[in-house]
N, C-alpha and C. Protein backbone atom coordinates (compact mmCIF):
# COMPACT_ATOMS: atom_id res chain seq x y z
N MET A 1 -11.98 131.47 -95.32
CA MET A 1 -10.76 130.79 -95.59
C MET A 1 -10.40 129.88 -94.26
N LYS A 2 -10.72 130.46 -93.14
CA LYS A 2 -10.36 129.76 -91.97
C LYS A 2 -11.21 128.50 -91.89
N GLN A 3 -12.59 128.64 -92.14
CA GLN A 3 -13.31 127.38 -92.18
C GLN A 3 -12.93 126.33 -93.07
N HIS A 4 -12.55 126.72 -94.28
CA HIS A 4 -12.00 125.75 -95.28
C HIS A 4 -10.75 125.11 -94.73
N GLY A 5 -9.93 125.81 -94.03
CA GLY A 5 -8.65 125.26 -93.52
C GLY A 5 -8.94 124.19 -92.51
N VAL A 6 -9.92 124.45 -91.64
CA VAL A 6 -10.31 123.53 -90.59
C VAL A 6 -10.85 122.28 -91.25
N LEU A 7 -11.65 122.40 -92.24
CA LEU A 7 -12.28 121.35 -93.03
C LEU A 7 -11.23 120.37 -93.62
N TYR A 8 -10.26 121.11 -94.29
CA TYR A 8 -9.16 120.41 -94.89
C TYR A 8 -8.43 119.56 -94.00
N SER A 9 -8.06 120.14 -92.76
CA SER A 9 -7.35 119.49 -91.81
C SER A 9 -7.99 118.18 -91.23
N ARG A 10 -9.30 118.14 -91.44
CA ARG A 10 -9.97 116.96 -90.83
C ARG A 10 -10.15 115.85 -91.88
N TYR A 11 -9.74 116.11 -93.18
CA TYR A 11 -9.83 115.01 -94.14
C TYR A 11 -9.12 113.78 -93.79
N PRO A 12 -7.88 113.82 -93.49
CA PRO A 12 -7.23 112.59 -93.09
C PRO A 12 -7.89 111.87 -92.01
N MET A 13 -8.44 112.46 -90.95
CA MET A 13 -9.20 111.68 -89.96
C MET A 13 -10.36 111.04 -90.56
N ILE A 14 -11.14 111.74 -91.36
CA ILE A 14 -12.40 111.28 -91.96
C ILE A 14 -12.02 110.02 -92.84
N ILE A 15 -10.93 110.14 -93.68
CA ILE A 15 -10.71 108.95 -94.47
C ILE A 15 -10.29 107.81 -93.60
N VAL A 16 -9.48 108.01 -92.50
CA VAL A 16 -9.02 106.87 -91.60
C VAL A 16 -10.30 106.26 -91.12
N CYS A 17 -11.28 107.05 -90.64
CA CYS A 17 -12.50 106.52 -90.09
C CYS A 17 -13.29 105.68 -91.05
N LEU A 18 -13.47 106.22 -92.35
CA LEU A 18 -14.17 105.57 -93.36
C LEU A 18 -13.42 104.14 -93.72
N PHE A 19 -12.12 104.16 -93.67
CA PHE A 19 -11.40 102.88 -93.94
C PHE A 19 -11.63 101.86 -92.90
N PHE A 20 -11.64 102.17 -91.61
CA PHE A 20 -11.92 101.23 -90.52
C PHE A 20 -13.41 100.74 -90.60
N ILE A 21 -14.33 101.69 -90.97
CA ILE A 21 -15.68 101.28 -91.12
C ILE A 21 -15.92 100.14 -92.15
N LEU A 22 -15.12 100.39 -93.32
CA LEU A 22 -15.27 99.42 -94.51
C LEU A 22 -14.63 98.14 -94.06
N ILE A 23 -13.55 98.02 -93.29
CA ILE A 23 -12.93 96.89 -92.79
C ILE A 23 -13.99 96.09 -91.97
N LEU A 24 -14.66 96.83 -90.94
CA LEU A 24 -15.56 96.12 -90.12
C LEU A 24 -16.69 95.60 -90.87
N ASN A 25 -17.17 96.20 -91.90
CA ASN A 25 -18.28 95.74 -92.67
C ASN A 25 -17.86 94.59 -93.64
N GLY A 26 -16.58 94.33 -93.74
CA GLY A 26 -16.18 93.29 -94.65
C GLY A 26 -15.93 93.77 -96.11
N CYS A 27 -15.98 95.03 -96.30
CA CYS A 27 -15.88 95.59 -97.69
C CYS A 27 -14.40 95.55 -98.10
N ILE A 28 -13.48 95.68 -97.05
CA ILE A 28 -12.08 95.72 -97.37
C ILE A 28 -11.40 94.63 -96.39
N THR A 29 -10.50 93.81 -96.95
CA THR A 29 -9.86 92.76 -96.21
C THR A 29 -8.40 93.22 -96.00
N ALA A 30 -7.95 93.21 -94.75
CA ALA A 30 -6.57 93.46 -94.51
C ALA A 30 -5.68 92.40 -95.19
N PRO A 31 -4.60 92.83 -95.83
CA PRO A 31 -3.87 91.89 -96.62
C PRO A 31 -3.22 90.77 -95.78
N ASP A 32 -3.05 90.93 -94.49
CA ASP A 32 -2.39 89.95 -93.69
C ASP A 32 -3.24 89.24 -92.68
N SER A 33 -4.62 89.51 -92.90
CA SER A 33 -5.57 88.89 -91.99
C SER A 33 -5.65 87.44 -92.18
N PRO A 34 -5.81 86.57 -91.18
CA PRO A 34 -5.95 85.12 -91.24
C PRO A 34 -7.24 84.74 -92.03
N VAL A 35 -6.98 83.62 -92.80
CA VAL A 35 -8.32 83.14 -93.57
C VAL A 35 -8.94 82.09 -92.68
N PRO A 36 -10.22 82.18 -92.33
CA PRO A 36 -10.92 81.18 -91.62
C PRO A 36 -10.88 79.77 -92.19
N ARG A 37 -10.73 78.73 -91.36
CA ARG A 37 -10.73 77.32 -91.81
C ARG A 37 -11.87 76.66 -91.33
N PHE A 38 -12.65 75.88 -92.17
CA PHE A 38 -13.86 75.34 -91.80
C PHE A 38 -13.72 73.76 -91.78
N TYR A 39 -14.31 73.11 -90.74
CA TYR A 39 -14.16 71.74 -90.58
C TYR A 39 -15.53 71.03 -90.58
N ARG A 40 -15.46 69.74 -90.91
CA ARG A 40 -16.76 68.91 -91.11
C ARG A 40 -16.57 67.53 -90.44
N LEU A 41 -17.48 67.18 -89.66
CA LEU A 41 -17.44 65.79 -89.06
C LEU A 41 -17.71 64.84 -90.15
N GLN A 42 -16.94 63.71 -90.10
CA GLN A 42 -17.16 62.71 -91.13
C GLN A 42 -17.11 61.29 -90.55
N ALA A 43 -17.79 60.40 -91.21
CA ALA A 43 -17.85 59.02 -90.77
C ALA A 43 -16.44 58.44 -90.91
N VAL A 44 -15.99 57.61 -89.85
CA VAL A 44 -14.67 57.01 -89.81
C VAL A 44 -14.74 55.89 -90.88
N ASP A 45 -13.59 55.57 -91.34
CA ASP A 45 -13.57 54.51 -92.49
C ASP A 45 -13.82 53.08 -91.91
N ASP A 46 -13.57 52.83 -90.74
CA ASP A 46 -13.79 51.44 -90.17
C ASP A 46 -15.03 51.39 -89.30
N ILE A 47 -16.07 52.17 -89.62
CA ILE A 47 -17.36 52.18 -88.86
C ILE A 47 -17.99 50.80 -88.76
N GLN A 48 -17.66 49.94 -89.83
CA GLN A 48 -18.34 48.57 -89.86
C GLN A 48 -17.40 47.56 -89.40
N ALA A 49 -16.26 47.86 -88.86
CA ALA A 49 -15.20 46.96 -88.47
C ALA A 49 -15.73 45.99 -87.52
N GLY A 50 -16.64 46.35 -86.48
CA GLY A 50 -17.13 45.46 -85.62
C GLY A 50 -18.34 44.69 -86.03
N GLY A 51 -18.62 44.75 -87.30
CA GLY A 51 -19.82 44.06 -87.81
C GLY A 51 -21.14 44.94 -87.97
N LYS A 52 -22.19 44.45 -88.59
CA LYS A 52 -23.44 45.25 -88.80
C LYS A 52 -24.40 44.61 -87.81
N PHE A 53 -25.57 45.32 -87.61
CA PHE A 53 -26.67 44.91 -86.77
C PHE A 53 -27.87 44.75 -87.70
N ASN A 54 -28.57 43.72 -87.32
CA ASN A 54 -29.80 43.36 -88.13
C ASN A 54 -31.08 43.89 -87.60
N LEU A 55 -31.82 44.58 -88.54
CA LEU A 55 -33.15 45.06 -88.28
C LEU A 55 -34.01 44.66 -89.42
N ALA A 56 -35.34 44.83 -89.20
CA ALA A 56 -36.25 44.50 -90.35
C ALA A 56 -35.97 45.50 -91.60
N SER A 57 -36.10 44.96 -92.77
CA SER A 57 -35.70 45.82 -93.83
C SER A 57 -36.70 46.91 -94.09
N ASN A 58 -37.88 46.91 -93.60
CA ASN A 58 -38.86 47.90 -93.72
C ASN A 58 -38.95 48.93 -92.61
N MET A 59 -38.03 48.73 -91.64
CA MET A 59 -37.99 49.65 -90.45
C MET A 59 -37.42 51.03 -90.71
N ILE A 60 -38.08 52.08 -90.15
CA ILE A 60 -37.64 53.40 -90.27
C ILE A 60 -37.20 53.93 -88.92
N ILE A 61 -35.98 54.43 -88.92
CA ILE A 61 -35.47 55.01 -87.60
C ILE A 61 -35.30 56.51 -87.82
N GLY A 62 -35.77 57.37 -86.89
CA GLY A 62 -35.62 58.72 -86.93
C GLY A 62 -34.64 59.15 -85.92
N VAL A 63 -33.73 60.06 -86.29
CA VAL A 63 -32.63 60.57 -85.55
C VAL A 63 -32.74 62.11 -85.27
N GLY A 64 -32.85 62.43 -84.09
CA GLY A 64 -32.93 63.84 -83.69
C GLY A 64 -34.32 64.18 -83.00
N PRO A 65 -34.31 65.35 -82.40
CA PRO A 65 -33.27 66.32 -82.33
C PRO A 65 -32.15 66.03 -81.47
N VAL A 66 -31.01 66.81 -81.65
CA VAL A 66 -29.73 66.55 -80.93
C VAL A 66 -29.38 67.94 -80.25
N GLY A 67 -29.27 67.88 -78.98
CA GLY A 67 -28.82 69.18 -78.28
C GLY A 67 -27.51 69.11 -77.89
N ILE A 68 -26.80 70.33 -77.80
CA ILE A 68 -25.45 70.52 -77.39
C ILE A 68 -25.31 71.49 -76.28
N PRO A 69 -24.30 71.47 -75.57
CA PRO A 69 -24.03 72.54 -74.50
C PRO A 69 -24.05 73.96 -75.09
N GLU A 70 -24.59 74.93 -74.39
CA GLU A 70 -24.67 76.27 -74.96
C GLU A 70 -23.29 76.83 -75.22
N TYR A 71 -22.30 76.45 -74.51
CA TYR A 71 -20.89 76.96 -74.77
C TYR A 71 -20.28 76.48 -76.08
N GLN A 72 -20.98 75.39 -76.60
CA GLN A 72 -20.43 74.90 -77.89
C GLN A 72 -21.52 75.26 -79.13
N ASN A 73 -22.40 76.10 -78.73
CA ASN A 73 -23.44 76.49 -79.73
C ASN A 73 -22.98 77.74 -80.39
N ARG A 74 -21.94 77.67 -81.23
CA ARG A 74 -21.27 78.83 -81.95
C ARG A 74 -20.53 78.23 -83.10
N PRO A 75 -20.26 79.11 -84.08
CA PRO A 75 -19.52 78.66 -85.31
C PRO A 75 -18.11 78.19 -84.92
N GLN A 76 -17.45 78.92 -84.06
CA GLN A 76 -16.09 78.67 -83.68
C GLN A 76 -15.98 77.46 -82.95
N ILE A 77 -14.74 76.73 -83.08
CA ILE A 77 -14.45 75.45 -82.29
C ILE A 77 -14.13 75.94 -81.02
N VAL A 78 -14.64 75.37 -79.89
CA VAL A 78 -14.35 75.69 -78.48
C VAL A 78 -13.57 74.61 -77.82
N THR A 79 -12.46 74.89 -77.16
CA THR A 79 -11.62 73.98 -76.57
C THR A 79 -11.33 74.52 -75.14
N GLN A 80 -10.42 73.87 -74.28
CA GLN A 80 -10.17 74.46 -73.00
C GLN A 80 -8.71 74.50 -72.93
N ASN A 81 -8.06 75.31 -72.09
CA ASN A 81 -6.67 75.48 -71.84
C ASN A 81 -6.32 74.67 -70.66
N GLU A 82 -5.13 74.78 -70.23
CA GLU A 82 -4.63 73.97 -69.09
C GLU A 82 -5.34 74.37 -67.77
N ASN A 83 -5.95 75.56 -67.82
CA ASN A 83 -6.55 76.09 -66.58
C ASN A 83 -8.07 75.85 -66.64
N LYS A 84 -8.54 74.99 -67.59
CA LYS A 84 -9.94 74.71 -67.80
C LYS A 84 -10.77 75.91 -68.26
N MET A 85 -10.14 76.94 -68.71
CA MET A 85 -10.86 78.03 -69.29
C MET A 85 -11.10 77.84 -70.79
N LEU A 86 -12.31 78.31 -71.18
CA LEU A 86 -12.69 78.10 -72.54
C LEU A 86 -11.89 78.91 -73.60
N THR A 87 -11.48 78.34 -74.60
CA THR A 87 -10.70 79.01 -75.64
C THR A 87 -11.50 78.95 -77.07
N ILE A 88 -11.84 80.07 -77.52
CA ILE A 88 -12.64 80.12 -78.80
C ILE A 88 -11.71 80.36 -79.87
N ALA A 89 -11.68 79.49 -80.87
CA ALA A 89 -10.82 79.59 -81.97
C ALA A 89 -11.46 80.50 -83.07
N GLN A 90 -11.00 81.62 -83.21
CA GLN A 90 -11.60 82.68 -84.07
C GLN A 90 -11.53 82.23 -85.48
N PHE A 91 -10.51 81.61 -86.02
CA PHE A 91 -10.37 81.22 -87.36
C PHE A 91 -10.47 79.68 -87.63
N ASP A 92 -10.84 78.95 -86.70
CA ASP A 92 -11.08 77.51 -86.91
C ASP A 92 -12.51 77.21 -86.54
N ARG A 93 -13.33 76.96 -87.54
CA ARG A 93 -14.83 77.04 -87.25
C ARG A 93 -15.45 75.75 -87.90
N TRP A 94 -16.60 75.54 -87.34
CA TRP A 94 -17.45 74.44 -87.95
C TRP A 94 -18.05 74.85 -89.34
N GLY A 95 -18.12 73.87 -90.24
CA GLY A 95 -18.70 74.15 -91.44
C GLY A 95 -20.30 74.12 -91.47
N GLU A 96 -20.90 73.64 -90.38
CA GLU A 96 -22.30 73.60 -90.15
C GLU A 96 -22.50 73.69 -88.71
N PRO A 97 -23.67 74.00 -88.17
CA PRO A 97 -23.96 74.00 -86.75
C PRO A 97 -23.75 72.58 -86.22
N LEU A 98 -23.14 72.58 -84.99
CA LEU A 98 -22.54 71.42 -84.42
C LEU A 98 -23.66 70.45 -84.12
N ASP A 99 -24.79 71.00 -83.60
CA ASP A 99 -25.86 70.00 -83.26
C ASP A 99 -26.51 69.25 -84.58
N LEU A 100 -26.44 70.02 -85.68
CA LEU A 100 -26.91 69.32 -86.89
C LEU A 100 -25.93 68.42 -87.53
N ALA A 101 -24.60 68.83 -87.32
CA ALA A 101 -23.56 67.98 -87.73
C ALA A 101 -23.52 66.60 -87.00
N LEU A 102 -23.69 66.60 -85.66
CA LEU A 102 -23.81 65.41 -84.93
C LEU A 102 -24.98 64.57 -85.34
N ALA A 103 -26.12 65.18 -85.61
CA ALA A 103 -27.29 64.45 -86.04
C ALA A 103 -27.09 63.78 -87.39
N ARG A 104 -26.51 64.54 -88.31
CA ARG A 104 -26.10 64.02 -89.65
C ARG A 104 -25.16 62.85 -89.61
N LEU A 105 -24.09 63.03 -88.69
CA LEU A 105 -23.14 61.99 -88.70
C LEU A 105 -23.63 60.67 -88.02
N VAL A 106 -24.38 60.82 -86.94
CA VAL A 106 -25.05 59.67 -86.29
C VAL A 106 -26.06 59.02 -87.37
N SER A 107 -26.67 59.85 -88.09
CA SER A 107 -27.68 59.14 -89.15
C SER A 107 -26.87 58.41 -90.17
N ASP A 108 -25.63 58.93 -90.72
CA ASP A 108 -24.82 58.34 -91.56
C ASP A 108 -24.21 57.02 -90.95
N ASN A 109 -23.86 57.05 -89.73
CA ASN A 109 -23.24 55.96 -89.15
C ASN A 109 -24.31 54.84 -88.95
N LEU A 110 -25.54 55.12 -88.67
CA LEU A 110 -26.60 54.08 -88.47
C LEU A 110 -26.94 53.57 -89.75
N THR A 111 -26.90 54.36 -90.81
CA THR A 111 -27.20 53.77 -92.15
C THR A 111 -26.20 52.80 -92.52
N ALA A 112 -24.90 52.90 -92.19
CA ALA A 112 -23.98 51.95 -92.44
C ALA A 112 -23.98 50.72 -91.57
N LEU A 113 -24.49 50.92 -90.31
CA LEU A 113 -24.47 49.76 -89.33
C LEU A 113 -25.73 49.04 -89.31
N LEU A 114 -26.92 49.66 -89.65
CA LEU A 114 -28.13 48.92 -89.57
C LEU A 114 -28.56 48.47 -90.94
N GLU A 115 -28.24 47.26 -91.24
CA GLU A 115 -28.45 46.75 -92.55
C GLU A 115 -29.96 46.58 -92.88
N GLY A 116 -30.37 47.28 -93.92
CA GLY A 116 -31.76 47.15 -94.31
C GLY A 116 -32.68 48.26 -93.78
N ALA A 117 -32.32 48.87 -92.74
CA ALA A 117 -33.17 49.84 -92.12
C ALA A 117 -33.07 51.29 -92.83
N THR A 118 -34.05 52.09 -92.86
CA THR A 118 -34.06 53.47 -93.33
C THR A 118 -33.86 54.41 -92.27
N ILE A 119 -32.96 55.34 -92.40
CA ILE A 119 -32.72 56.28 -91.46
C ILE A 119 -33.08 57.69 -91.97
N LYS A 120 -33.96 58.40 -91.09
CA LYS A 120 -34.34 59.72 -91.31
C LYS A 120 -33.80 60.71 -90.31
N THR A 121 -33.38 61.87 -90.72
CA THR A 121 -32.80 62.85 -89.78
C THR A 121 -33.90 63.98 -89.56
N TYR A 122 -34.04 64.32 -88.18
CA TYR A 122 -35.03 65.29 -87.86
C TYR A 122 -34.77 66.69 -88.45
N PRO A 123 -35.88 67.43 -88.88
CA PRO A 123 -37.21 67.00 -88.82
C PRO A 123 -37.60 66.32 -90.16
N TRP A 124 -38.49 65.29 -89.98
CA TRP A 124 -39.02 64.47 -91.17
C TRP A 124 -40.49 64.77 -91.34
N ASN A 125 -41.05 64.37 -92.45
CA ASN A 125 -42.38 64.49 -92.72
C ASN A 125 -43.19 63.60 -91.80
N LEU A 126 -44.22 64.18 -91.24
CA LEU A 126 -45.04 63.44 -90.21
C LEU A 126 -45.81 62.11 -90.80
N ALA A 127 -45.86 62.17 -92.21
CA ALA A 127 -46.53 61.00 -92.88
C ALA A 127 -45.62 59.86 -92.92
N ILE A 128 -44.25 60.00 -92.64
CA ILE A 128 -43.38 58.95 -92.64
C ILE A 128 -43.51 57.99 -91.40
N PRO A 129 -43.82 56.75 -91.66
CA PRO A 129 -44.01 55.89 -90.49
C PRO A 129 -42.74 55.52 -89.71
N VAL A 130 -42.15 56.44 -88.86
CA VAL A 130 -40.98 56.13 -88.18
C VAL A 130 -41.43 55.33 -86.95
N LYS A 131 -40.61 54.20 -86.78
CA LYS A 131 -40.90 53.24 -85.65
C LYS A 131 -40.13 53.70 -84.44
N TYR A 132 -38.81 53.95 -84.44
CA TYR A 132 -38.13 54.31 -83.35
C TYR A 132 -37.54 55.76 -83.67
N GLN A 133 -37.51 56.59 -82.53
CA GLN A 133 -36.91 57.83 -82.63
C GLN A 133 -35.79 58.02 -81.65
N LEU A 134 -34.65 58.42 -82.10
CA LEU A 134 -33.52 58.69 -81.16
C LEU A 134 -33.46 60.12 -80.87
N ILE A 135 -33.54 60.49 -79.63
CA ILE A 135 -33.26 61.81 -79.07
C ILE A 135 -32.01 61.84 -78.21
N MET A 136 -31.09 62.83 -78.55
CA MET A 136 -29.78 62.88 -77.86
C MET A 136 -29.48 64.30 -77.35
N ASP A 137 -28.89 64.28 -76.20
CA ASP A 137 -28.34 65.55 -75.61
C ASP A 137 -26.93 65.33 -75.28
N VAL A 138 -26.01 66.05 -75.82
CA VAL A 138 -24.59 66.07 -75.45
C VAL A 138 -24.52 66.87 -74.22
N VAL A 139 -24.25 66.27 -73.05
CA VAL A 139 -24.25 66.93 -71.89
C VAL A 139 -22.79 67.54 -71.51
N LYS A 140 -21.77 67.00 -72.25
CA LYS A 140 -20.49 67.51 -72.01
C LYS A 140 -19.63 67.25 -73.22
N LEU A 141 -18.94 68.30 -73.70
CA LEU A 141 -18.06 68.06 -74.83
C LEU A 141 -16.81 69.01 -74.47
N GLU A 142 -15.73 68.45 -73.98
CA GLU A 142 -14.53 69.23 -73.53
C GLU A 142 -13.33 68.60 -74.22
N SER A 143 -12.40 69.42 -74.51
CA SER A 143 -11.15 68.96 -75.14
C SER A 143 -9.97 69.89 -74.96
N GLN A 144 -8.83 69.40 -74.95
CA GLN A 144 -7.55 70.12 -74.85
C GLN A 144 -6.72 69.63 -76.05
N LEU A 145 -6.35 70.53 -76.93
CA LEU A 145 -5.69 70.04 -78.20
C LEU A 145 -4.46 69.15 -77.90
N ASP A 146 -3.74 69.46 -76.75
CA ASP A 146 -2.49 68.73 -76.54
C ASP A 146 -2.75 67.51 -75.64
N LYS A 147 -4.04 67.15 -75.38
CA LYS A 147 -4.34 65.98 -74.49
C LYS A 147 -5.48 65.18 -75.17
N ASP A 148 -6.68 65.38 -74.70
CA ASP A 148 -7.78 64.39 -75.13
C ASP A 148 -9.06 65.13 -75.25
N LEU A 149 -10.08 64.35 -75.64
CA LEU A 149 -11.41 64.88 -75.87
C LEU A 149 -12.32 64.05 -74.93
N PHE A 150 -13.30 64.64 -74.19
CA PHE A 150 -14.20 64.00 -73.43
C PHE A 150 -15.63 64.29 -73.92
N PHE A 151 -16.36 63.28 -74.33
CA PHE A 151 -17.75 63.37 -74.91
C PHE A 151 -18.72 62.53 -74.14
N ALA A 152 -19.72 63.17 -73.61
CA ALA A 152 -20.75 62.45 -72.86
C ALA A 152 -22.11 62.89 -73.43
N ALA A 153 -22.94 61.88 -73.75
CA ALA A 153 -24.29 62.06 -74.25
C ALA A 153 -25.29 61.17 -73.56
N GLN A 154 -26.48 61.90 -73.33
CA GLN A 154 -27.56 61.25 -72.83
C GLN A 154 -28.53 61.02 -73.93
N TRP A 155 -28.89 59.75 -74.21
CA TRP A 155 -29.73 59.51 -75.34
C TRP A 155 -30.91 58.53 -75.00
N SER A 156 -31.99 58.75 -75.68
CA SER A 156 -33.28 58.01 -75.47
C SER A 156 -33.75 57.50 -76.75
N ILE A 157 -34.39 56.33 -76.66
CA ILE A 157 -35.08 55.76 -77.80
C ILE A 157 -36.69 55.75 -77.51
N LEU A 158 -37.37 56.30 -78.44
CA LEU A 158 -38.81 56.43 -78.25
C LEU A 158 -39.50 55.57 -79.27
N ASP A 159 -40.67 54.95 -78.73
CA ASP A 159 -41.64 54.33 -79.70
C ASP A 159 -42.36 55.53 -80.36
N ALA A 160 -41.99 55.84 -81.66
CA ALA A 160 -42.42 57.11 -82.24
C ALA A 160 -43.99 56.99 -82.45
N GLN A 161 -44.51 55.85 -82.71
CA GLN A 161 -45.94 55.74 -82.95
C GLN A 161 -46.75 55.94 -81.61
N ALA A 162 -46.17 55.36 -80.57
CA ALA A 162 -46.94 55.51 -79.29
C ALA A 162 -46.53 56.77 -78.49
N ASN A 163 -45.51 57.51 -79.08
CA ASN A 163 -44.87 58.56 -78.30
C ASN A 163 -44.55 58.27 -76.88
N LYS A 164 -43.79 57.23 -76.79
CA LYS A 164 -43.50 56.62 -75.43
C LYS A 164 -41.97 56.27 -75.41
N MET A 165 -41.31 56.69 -74.34
CA MET A 165 -39.82 56.45 -74.17
C MET A 165 -39.89 54.94 -73.77
N ILE A 166 -38.86 54.21 -74.39
CA ILE A 166 -38.71 52.82 -74.12
C ILE A 166 -37.30 52.51 -73.63
N MET A 167 -36.40 53.42 -73.76
CA MET A 167 -34.98 53.20 -73.31
C MET A 167 -34.34 54.54 -73.14
N MET A 168 -33.52 54.65 -72.02
CA MET A 168 -32.70 55.80 -71.87
C MET A 168 -31.24 55.37 -71.32
N LYS A 169 -30.20 55.97 -71.91
CA LYS A 169 -28.86 55.56 -71.62
C LYS A 169 -27.94 56.76 -71.67
N LYS A 170 -26.81 56.61 -70.97
CA LYS A 170 -25.78 57.72 -70.98
C LYS A 170 -24.47 57.03 -71.51
N SER A 171 -23.84 57.68 -72.45
CA SER A 171 -22.60 57.07 -72.92
C SER A 171 -21.45 58.18 -72.84
N GLU A 172 -20.27 57.71 -72.44
CA GLU A 172 -19.12 58.63 -72.24
C GLU A 172 -17.99 58.03 -72.86
N PHE A 173 -17.15 58.88 -73.47
CA PHE A 173 -15.97 58.58 -74.20
C PHE A 173 -14.86 59.55 -73.94
N ARG A 174 -13.73 58.99 -73.69
CA ARG A 174 -12.54 59.78 -73.59
C ARG A 174 -11.47 59.34 -74.62
N LEU A 175 -11.04 60.18 -75.58
CA LEU A 175 -10.16 59.77 -76.52
C LEU A 175 -9.00 60.68 -76.74
N ALA A 176 -7.79 60.21 -77.03
CA ALA A 176 -6.66 61.09 -77.17
C ALA A 176 -6.86 61.72 -78.62
N ILE A 177 -6.50 63.08 -78.55
CA ILE A 177 -6.49 63.86 -79.79
C ILE A 177 -5.24 63.60 -80.49
N ASN A 178 -5.38 63.17 -81.74
CA ASN A 178 -4.10 62.93 -82.52
C ASN A 178 -4.39 63.19 -84.01
N PRO A 179 -3.72 64.09 -84.60
CA PRO A 179 -2.63 64.99 -84.18
C PRO A 179 -3.18 66.19 -83.30
N HIS A 180 -2.29 66.70 -82.50
CA HIS A 180 -2.71 67.70 -81.51
C HIS A 180 -3.06 69.10 -82.20
N ASN A 181 -4.00 69.12 -83.06
CA ASN A 181 -4.51 70.26 -83.72
C ASN A 181 -6.08 70.23 -83.86
N TYR A 182 -6.63 71.18 -84.61
CA TYR A 182 -8.09 71.23 -84.80
C TYR A 182 -8.43 70.09 -85.70
N SER A 183 -7.64 69.72 -86.69
CA SER A 183 -8.11 68.65 -87.52
C SER A 183 -8.15 67.34 -86.76
N GLY A 184 -7.08 67.27 -85.80
CA GLY A 184 -7.12 65.97 -84.94
C GLY A 184 -8.34 65.96 -84.08
N LEU A 185 -8.80 67.16 -83.53
CA LEU A 185 -9.89 67.29 -82.65
C LEU A 185 -11.12 66.93 -83.42
N VAL A 186 -11.31 67.31 -84.65
CA VAL A 186 -12.56 66.90 -85.44
C VAL A 186 -12.48 65.40 -85.76
N LYS A 187 -11.34 64.92 -86.04
CA LYS A 187 -11.27 63.39 -86.33
C LYS A 187 -11.58 62.64 -84.99
N THR A 188 -11.11 63.10 -83.84
CA THR A 188 -11.53 62.37 -82.54
C THR A 188 -12.90 62.50 -82.21
N LEU A 189 -13.53 63.64 -82.46
CA LEU A 189 -14.94 63.78 -82.20
C LEU A 189 -15.74 62.82 -83.10
N SER A 190 -15.33 62.68 -84.44
CA SER A 190 -15.96 61.82 -85.33
C SER A 190 -15.85 60.29 -84.86
N GLN A 191 -14.71 60.03 -84.23
CA GLN A 191 -14.50 58.60 -83.70
C GLN A 191 -15.43 58.48 -82.53
N ALA A 192 -15.58 59.50 -81.62
CA ALA A 192 -16.50 59.39 -80.47
C ALA A 192 -17.97 59.05 -80.99
N ALA A 193 -18.32 59.90 -82.03
CA ALA A 193 -19.71 59.70 -82.52
C ALA A 193 -19.89 58.30 -83.13
N ALA A 194 -18.76 57.75 -83.72
CA ALA A 194 -18.89 56.39 -84.21
C ALA A 194 -19.03 55.31 -83.22
N ALA A 195 -18.40 55.52 -82.05
CA ALA A 195 -18.51 54.63 -80.85
C ALA A 195 -19.98 54.72 -80.42
N LEU A 196 -20.45 55.95 -80.19
CA LEU A 196 -21.83 56.15 -79.72
C LEU A 196 -22.80 55.48 -80.66
N SER A 197 -22.60 55.66 -81.96
CA SER A 197 -23.57 55.09 -82.95
C SER A 197 -23.65 53.56 -82.88
N ARG A 198 -22.49 52.88 -82.59
CA ARG A 198 -22.44 51.51 -82.38
C ARG A 198 -23.25 51.03 -81.13
N GLU A 199 -23.19 51.82 -80.08
CA GLU A 199 -23.97 51.55 -78.91
C GLU A 199 -25.47 51.70 -79.19
N ILE A 200 -25.73 52.69 -79.99
CA ILE A 200 -27.21 52.93 -80.31
C ILE A 200 -27.75 51.77 -81.24
N ALA A 201 -26.95 51.43 -82.27
CA ALA A 201 -27.29 50.32 -83.15
C ALA A 201 -27.44 49.13 -82.33
N LYS A 202 -26.57 48.74 -81.36
CA LYS A 202 -26.80 47.58 -80.60
C LYS A 202 -28.03 47.53 -79.85
N ALA A 203 -28.44 48.75 -79.29
CA ALA A 203 -29.64 48.89 -78.47
C ALA A 203 -30.84 48.73 -79.27
N LEU A 204 -30.82 49.25 -80.41
CA LEU A 204 -31.99 49.04 -81.38
C LEU A 204 -32.19 47.64 -81.75
N GLU A 205 -31.07 46.87 -82.04
CA GLU A 205 -31.12 45.43 -82.34
C GLU A 205 -31.72 44.70 -81.21
N SER A 206 -31.24 45.02 -79.97
CA SER A 206 -31.71 44.33 -78.81
C SER A 206 -33.27 44.64 -78.59
N LEU A 207 -33.67 45.86 -78.69
CA LEU A 207 -35.18 46.14 -78.71
C LEU A 207 -35.87 45.27 -79.60
N GLU A 208 -35.59 45.10 -80.79
CA GLU A 208 -36.27 44.34 -81.83
C GLU A 208 -36.27 42.89 -81.34
N ALA A 209 -35.17 42.37 -80.87
CA ALA A 209 -35.19 41.06 -80.47
C ALA A 209 -36.03 40.74 -79.34
N GLN A 210 -36.21 41.63 -78.40
CA GLN A 210 -37.06 41.58 -77.29
C GLN A 210 -38.58 41.60 -77.74
N GLN A 211 -38.88 42.37 -78.66
CA GLN A 211 -40.24 42.35 -79.17
C GLN A 211 -40.64 41.02 -79.87
N LYS A 212 -39.64 40.44 -80.51
CA LYS A 212 -39.98 39.14 -81.29
C LYS A 212 -40.14 38.06 -80.38
N ASN A 213 -39.63 38.14 -79.15
CA ASN A 213 -39.71 37.04 -78.17
C ASN A 213 -40.98 37.09 -77.35
């Protein structure tokens, strides 16, 4: 009887432990737990406002790979506080890996900006005759929700067939975040990617003009 009494007295503790194990494994959701919000970079509506760039209609441009800082290599959106310390938003997350999202967005932007050209996103089939390949490294991506976003990218254009670098540049953008929340941050980063895409499109047009002369 004494052993049974000890066992019965442990039942509440065992049940509590099982409950927390189920919560940690995702089997049970606490009723008041916040629901994660997922965000996606999108092309801005006025991407073509400054005009299009002309390339040969049969030209194929490859975009990627794109590198990002390791502190941004996570599902959660990362910002900074007033003390420049990283803040990881546990419930505000990217809907796709940020490096792939930037590659996709730049590809979409170049498709809109480069009339007639075909854009392929890395990786592509090696049988596809890509003429120019864009490689990009985001060297800095910092933002404060109540202030602005700073986006700096080092990018190169390669002659894909000769496997030779023919251009290297660095672009920097500082844009105010509006509204001052995560939706505003995502919108602002999309605008920075649009501005970068225009610089890349202009560089590609210039390269083609040089080769024709």
